[in-house]
N, C-alpha and C. Protein backbone atom coordinates (compact mmCIF):
# COMPACT_ATOMS: atom_id res chain seq x y z
N UNK A 1 -70.33 -32.33 14.39
CA UNK A 1 -71.51 -31.43 14.80
C UNK A 1 -71.16 -31.05 16.24
N UNK A 2 -71.74 -29.79 16.21
CA UNK A 2 -71.29 -29.09 17.51
C UNK A 2 -72.13 -30.04 18.59
N UNK A 3 -71.76 -29.79 19.84
CA UNK A 3 -72.09 -30.55 21.06
C UNK A 3 -72.01 -29.44 22.26
N UNK A 4 -73.20 -29.07 22.89
CA UNK A 4 -73.19 -28.31 24.13
C UNK A 4 -72.90 -28.61 25.39
N UNK A 5 -72.63 -27.87 26.40
CA UNK A 5 -72.50 -28.54 27.62
C UNK A 5 -73.48 -29.09 28.41
N UNK A 6 -75.06 -28.69 27.72
CA UNK A 6 -76.37 -29.15 28.32
C UNK A 6 -76.79 -30.49 27.44
N UNK A 7 -76.30 -30.89 26.24
CA UNK A 7 -77.09 -31.99 25.79
C UNK A 7 -75.74 -33.15 25.83
N UNK A 8 -74.54 -32.62 26.01
CA UNK A 8 -73.47 -33.64 25.78
C UNK A 8 -73.19 -34.52 24.71
N UNK A 9 -73.00 -35.85 24.78
CA UNK A 9 -72.99 -36.31 23.68
C UNK A 9 -74.02 -36.78 22.84
N UNK A 10 -75.11 -36.44 23.65
CA UNK A 10 -76.63 -36.61 22.90
C UNK A 10 -76.69 -35.79 21.77
N UNK A 11 -75.89 -34.56 21.73
CA UNK A 11 -76.01 -33.57 20.85
C UNK A 11 -75.73 -34.09 19.23
N UNK A 12 -75.21 -35.43 19.00
CA UNK A 12 -75.21 -35.71 17.75
C UNK A 12 -76.47 -35.93 17.23
N UNK A 13 -77.44 -36.33 18.05
CA UNK A 13 -78.92 -36.86 17.37
C UNK A 13 -79.66 -35.58 17.32
N UNK A 14 -79.56 -34.20 17.61
CA UNK A 14 -80.16 -33.30 17.34
C UNK A 14 -81.42 -32.99 17.83
N UNK A 15 -82.40 -33.17 17.46
CA UNK A 15 -84.05 -33.30 17.92
C UNK A 15 -84.75 -34.37 17.89
N UNK A 16 -83.77 -35.32 17.33
CA UNK A 16 -84.45 -36.84 17.04
C UNK A 16 -84.38 -37.52 18.11
N UNK A 17 -85.52 -38.71 18.25
CA UNK A 17 -85.43 -39.79 19.03
C UNK A 17 -86.43 -39.45 20.56
N UNK A 18 -86.21 -38.29 20.46
CA UNK A 18 -87.22 -37.85 21.75
C UNK A 18 -86.32 -37.76 23.04
N UNK A 19 -86.62 -37.03 24.20
CA UNK A 19 -85.92 -36.52 25.31
C UNK A 19 -85.59 -37.89 26.05
N UNK A 20 -86.27 -38.64 26.46
CA UNK A 20 -86.03 -39.76 27.39
C UNK A 20 -84.69 -40.67 26.82
N UNK A 21 -85.13 -41.13 25.35
CA UNK A 21 -83.98 -41.78 24.72
C UNK A 21 -82.76 -41.09 24.63
N UNK A 22 -82.65 -40.11 24.34
CA UNK A 22 -81.51 -39.03 24.52
C UNK A 22 -80.78 -39.27 26.01
N UNK A 23 -81.66 -38.78 27.01
CA UNK A 23 -81.30 -38.72 28.63
C UNK A 23 -80.70 -40.27 28.58
N UNK A 24 -81.03 -41.25 28.31
CA UNK A 24 -80.55 -42.53 28.79
C UNK A 24 -79.54 -42.81 28.02
N UNK A 25 -79.35 -42.25 27.10
CA UNK A 25 -78.16 -42.49 26.32
C UNK A 25 -77.15 -41.68 26.68
N UNK A 26 -77.48 -40.48 27.17
CA UNK A 26 -76.08 -39.60 27.93
C UNK A 26 -75.94 -40.49 29.18
N UNK A 27 -76.79 -40.96 30.19
CA UNK A 27 -76.73 -41.82 31.31
C UNK A 27 -75.64 -43.00 30.83
N UNK A 28 -75.83 -44.18 30.02
CA UNK A 28 -75.15 -44.98 29.50
C UNK A 28 -73.82 -44.51 29.07
N UNK A 29 -73.87 -43.50 28.44
CA UNK A 29 -72.32 -42.97 27.94
C UNK A 29 -71.49 -42.51 29.02
N UNK A 30 -71.96 -41.82 30.12
CA UNK A 30 -71.11 -41.26 30.95
C UNK A 30 -70.76 -42.55 31.98
N UNK A 31 -71.47 -43.54 31.58
CA UNK A 31 -70.75 -45.22 32.62
C UNK A 31 -69.70 -45.61 31.95
N UNK A 32 -69.83 -45.98 30.53
CA UNK A 32 -68.81 -46.82 30.10
C UNK A 32 -67.91 -46.02 29.24
N UNK A 33 -67.81 -44.45 29.54
CA UNK A 33 -66.61 -43.85 28.99
C UNK A 33 -65.82 -43.40 30.40
N UNK A 34 -66.07 -43.93 31.66
CA UNK A 34 -65.42 -43.32 32.97
C UNK A 34 -64.29 -44.30 32.66
N UNK A 35 -63.38 -43.65 33.59
CA UNK A 35 -62.19 -44.54 33.39
C UNK A 35 -62.35 -45.25 35.01
N UNK A 36 -61.85 -46.67 34.43
CA UNK A 36 -62.03 -47.57 35.45
C UNK A 36 -60.84 -48.54 36.02
N UNK A 37 -60.36 -48.88 36.79
CA UNK A 37 -58.78 -49.58 37.12
C UNK A 37 -58.98 -50.86 36.51
N UNK A 38 -57.45 -51.23 36.01
CA UNK A 38 -57.62 -52.64 35.70
C UNK A 38 -57.16 -53.64 37.08
N UNK A 39 -57.86 -54.63 36.68
CA UNK A 39 -57.93 -55.61 37.87
C UNK A 39 -56.45 -56.44 37.89
N UNK A 40 -55.86 -56.08 37.19
CA UNK A 40 -54.65 -57.08 36.87
C UNK A 40 -53.37 -55.96 37.46
N UNK A 41 -53.09 -54.98 36.66
CA UNK A 41 -52.22 -53.96 37.15
C UNK A 41 -52.64 -52.75 37.94
N UNK A 42 -53.91 -52.76 38.33
CA UNK A 42 -54.43 -51.41 38.91
C UNK A 42 -54.05 -49.99 38.58
N UNK A 43 -54.29 -49.79 37.47
CA UNK A 43 -53.97 -48.39 36.63
C UNK A 43 -55.04 -48.52 35.90
N UNK A 44 -55.58 -47.06 35.87
CA UNK A 44 -56.33 -46.60 35.21
C UNK A 44 -56.14 -46.64 33.57
N UNK A 45 -57.02 -46.99 32.74
CA UNK A 45 -56.99 -47.01 31.14
C UNK A 45 -57.70 -48.38 30.71
N UNK A 46 -58.73 -48.62 31.31
CA UNK A 46 -59.49 -49.57 30.54
C UNK A 46 -60.27 -49.06 29.55
N UNK A 47 -60.40 -49.65 28.54
CA UNK A 47 -61.35 -49.21 27.08
C UNK A 47 -62.18 -50.46 26.84
N UNK A 48 -63.47 -50.03 26.45
CA UNK A 48 -64.45 -51.03 26.17
C UNK A 48 -64.44 -51.47 24.77
N UNK A 49 -64.20 -52.30 24.38
CA UNK A 49 -63.94 -52.81 22.94
C UNK A 49 -65.30 -52.93 22.21
N UNK A 50 -65.84 -53.85 22.88
CA UNK A 50 -67.32 -54.29 22.61
C UNK A 50 -68.30 -54.43 23.64
N UNK A 51 -69.37 -54.88 23.44
CA UNK A 51 -70.47 -54.99 24.69
C UNK A 51 -69.96 -56.08 25.49
N UNK A 52 -69.47 -55.87 26.61
CA UNK A 52 -68.72 -56.72 27.57
C UNK A 52 -67.54 -57.07 27.42
N UNK A 53 -66.86 -56.54 26.49
CA UNK A 53 -65.36 -56.79 26.22
C UNK A 53 -64.49 -55.85 26.43
N UNK A 54 -63.70 -55.74 27.29
CA UNK A 54 -62.81 -54.83 27.98
C UNK A 54 -61.27 -55.27 27.76
N UNK A 55 -60.28 -54.04 27.32
CA UNK A 55 -58.79 -54.14 27.41
C UNK A 55 -58.33 -53.06 28.21
N UNK A 56 -57.22 -53.43 28.75
CA UNK A 56 -56.33 -52.52 29.73
C UNK A 56 -55.18 -51.82 28.62
N UNK A 57 -55.02 -50.77 28.44
CA UNK A 57 -54.29 -49.94 27.51
C UNK A 57 -52.81 -50.29 28.00
N UNK A 58 -52.38 -50.26 29.33
CA UNK A 58 -51.35 -50.54 29.94
C UNK A 58 -50.65 -51.84 29.87
N UNK A 59 -51.29 -52.81 30.42
CA UNK A 59 -50.70 -54.26 30.44
C UNK A 59 -51.23 -55.11 29.29
N UNK A 60 -52.32 -54.69 28.60
CA UNK A 60 -52.82 -55.42 27.55
C UNK A 60 -53.94 -56.77 27.76
N UNK A 61 -54.05 -56.58 29.26
CA UNK A 61 -55.14 -57.67 29.77
C UNK A 61 -56.60 -57.59 28.98
N UNK A 62 -57.12 -58.68 28.48
CA UNK A 62 -58.22 -58.56 27.92
C UNK A 62 -59.24 -59.52 28.53
N UNK A 63 -60.35 -59.00 29.07
CA UNK A 63 -61.14 -59.70 29.88
C UNK A 63 -62.78 -59.33 29.75
N UNK A 64 -63.72 -60.17 30.26
CA UNK A 64 -65.29 -59.83 30.15
C UNK A 64 -65.89 -59.28 31.13
N UNK A 65 -66.78 -58.20 31.26
CA UNK A 65 -67.38 -57.77 32.39
C UNK A 65 -68.84 -57.53 31.71
N UNK A 66 -69.48 -56.55 32.49
CA UNK A 66 -70.58 -56.50 31.78
C UNK A 66 -70.77 -55.40 30.76
N UNK A 67 -71.80 -55.21 30.32
CA UNK A 67 -72.13 -54.39 29.03
C UNK A 67 -71.44 -53.21 29.08
N UNK A 68 -71.64 -52.31 30.26
CA UNK A 68 -71.40 -50.87 30.20
C UNK A 68 -70.50 -50.75 31.31
N UNK A 69 -70.22 -51.84 32.21
CA UNK A 69 -69.13 -51.69 33.41
C UNK A 69 -68.37 -53.00 33.47
N UNK A 70 -66.96 -52.66 33.44
CA UNK A 70 -66.04 -53.81 33.69
C UNK A 70 -66.59 -55.01 34.86
N UNK A 71 -66.88 -54.50 35.78
CA UNK A 71 -67.35 -55.60 36.66
C UNK A 71 -68.53 -54.85 37.68
């Protein structure tokens, strides 16, 4: 599905679910897709596996954090 600059990742929802919910989704999506530094090797490359579970792509460290942020 096409996404525009205006709606970003919420473009996949189209006109469904209402503006407030789509805006909240955009805010959360920006937070957990942001590049964070690994607490062990201090390199960017942390990826969210599941809610509260994060893994470093460089050193392989797996750790628990918050739902949408590593710490």
